[in-house]
């Protein structure tokens, strides 16, 4: 994969945290940042995918609930007709 160089300005506290984490993982700072950025992008992609799947599921569930409601409404109507016939 082709690599390009960038310049990144970070608050000193964030840079210190990056350096500590990179050292703890025995990685160079740039290697650590590549991993962190790749992880973040993958996480955001996963969140987007899950959100789309949830929306799809909610829509399907909503449609199924509507169908069930209609079926039960029809059954209730029949029951009420029978009850009213009995009461007459």
Protein backbone atom coordinates (compact mmCIF):
# COMPACT_ATOMS: atom_id res chain seq x y z
CA UNK A 1 0.00 0.00 0.00
CA UNK A 2 1.28 3.43 -0.93
CA UNK A 3 1.97 5.69 2.02
CA UNK A 4 1.89 9.46 2.20
CA UNK A 5 3.33 11.70 4.84
CA UNK A 6 1.10 14.07 6.79
CA UNK A 7 1.70 16.67 9.47
CA UNK A 8 -0.50 16.38 12.51
CA UNK A 9 -0.81 18.87 15.34
CA UNK A 10 -2.02 17.45 18.66
CA UNK A 11 -2.49 18.90 22.13
CA UNK A 12 0.52 18.00 24.26
CA UNK A 13 -1.59 15.87 26.64
CA UNK A 14 -2.92 13.79 23.74
CA UNK A 15 0.56 13.38 22.27
CA UNK A 16 1.86 12.20 25.66
CA UNK A 17 -0.96 9.66 25.88
CA UNK A 18 -0.19 8.43 22.35
CA UNK A 19 3.49 8.06 23.17
CA UNK A 20 2.73 6.16 26.40
CA UNK A 21 0.34 3.77 24.66
CA UNK A 22 2.72 3.23 21.75
CA UNK A 23 5.60 2.52 24.13
CA UNK A 24 3.46 0.10 26.15
CA UNK A 25 2.59 -1.76 22.94
CA UNK A 26 6.24 -1.64 21.84
CA UNK A 27 5.38 0.17 18.63
CA UNK A 28 6.66 3.26 16.93
CA UNK A 29 4.37 6.24 17.30
CA UNK A 30 3.46 6.29 13.59
CA UNK A 31 2.67 2.54 13.61
CA UNK A 32 0.49 3.00 16.67
CA UNK A 33 -1.37 5.94 15.11
CA UNK A 34 -1.94 3.96 11.88
CA UNK A 35 -3.53 1.17 13.93
CA UNK A 36 -5.65 3.58 15.96
CA UNK A 37 -6.92 5.37 12.84
CA UNK A 38 -7.65 2.08 11.04
CA UNK A 39 -9.47 0.79 14.14
CA UNK A 40 -11.54 3.97 14.40
CA UNK A 41 -12.53 3.84 10.72
CA UNK A 42 -13.51 0.16 11.03
CA UNK A 43 -15.52 0.96 14.17
CA UNK A 44 -17.38 3.81 12.45
CA UNK A 45 -18.10 1.60 9.43
CA UNK A 46 -19.45 -1.11 11.75
CA UNK A 47 -21.63 1.40 13.61
CA UNK A 48 -23.05 2.63 10.30
CA UNK A 49 -23.77 -0.95 9.17
CA UNK A 50 -25.44 -1.84 12.46
CA UNK A 51 -27.52 1.34 12.40
CA UNK A 52 -28.75 0.50 8.88
CA UNK A 53 -29.57 -3.07 9.96
CA UNK A 54 -31.46 -1.81 13.02
CA UNK A 55 -33.48 0.64 10.94
CA UNK A 56 -34.31 -2.14 8.48
CA UNK A 57 -35.29 -4.45 11.35
CA UNK A 58 -37.46 -1.79 12.98
CA UNK A 59 -39.26 -1.18 9.69
CA UNK A 60 -39.83 -4.90 9.15
CA UNK A 61 -40.98 -5.31 12.75
CA UNK A 62 -43.31 -2.35 12.38
CA UNK A 63 -44.83 -3.83 9.23
CA UNK A 64 -45.30 -7.20 10.94
CA UNK A 65 -46.91 -5.52 13.96
CA UNK A 66 -49.28 -3.65 11.68
CA UNK A 67 -50.33 -6.88 9.97
CA UNK A 68 -50.93 -8.57 13.33
CA UNK A 69 -52.94 -5.58 14.53
CA UNK A 70 -55.15 -5.74 11.46
CA UNK A 71 -55.69 -9.48 11.89
CA UNK A 72 -56.58 -9.10 15.56
CA UNK A 73 -58.86 -6.18 14.77
CA UNK A 74 -60.78 -8.32 12.30
CA UNK A 75 -61.03 -11.15 14.85
CA UNK A 76 -62.22 -8.71 17.53
CA UNK A 77 -64.86 -7.38 15.16
CA UNK A 78 -66.18 -10.89 14.57
CA UNK A 79 -66.24 -11.60 18.31
CA UNK A 80 -68.11 -8.36 19.03
CA UNK A 81 -70.64 -9.16 16.31
CA UNK A 82 -71.24 -12.54 17.95
CA UNK A 83 -71.56 -10.94 21.39
CA UNK A 84 -74.06 -8.34 20.12
CA UNK A 85 -76.09 -11.07 18.42
CA UNK A 86 -76.18 -12.98 21.70
CA UNK A 87 -77.21 -9.88 23.66
CA UNK A 88 -80.13 -9.06 21.33
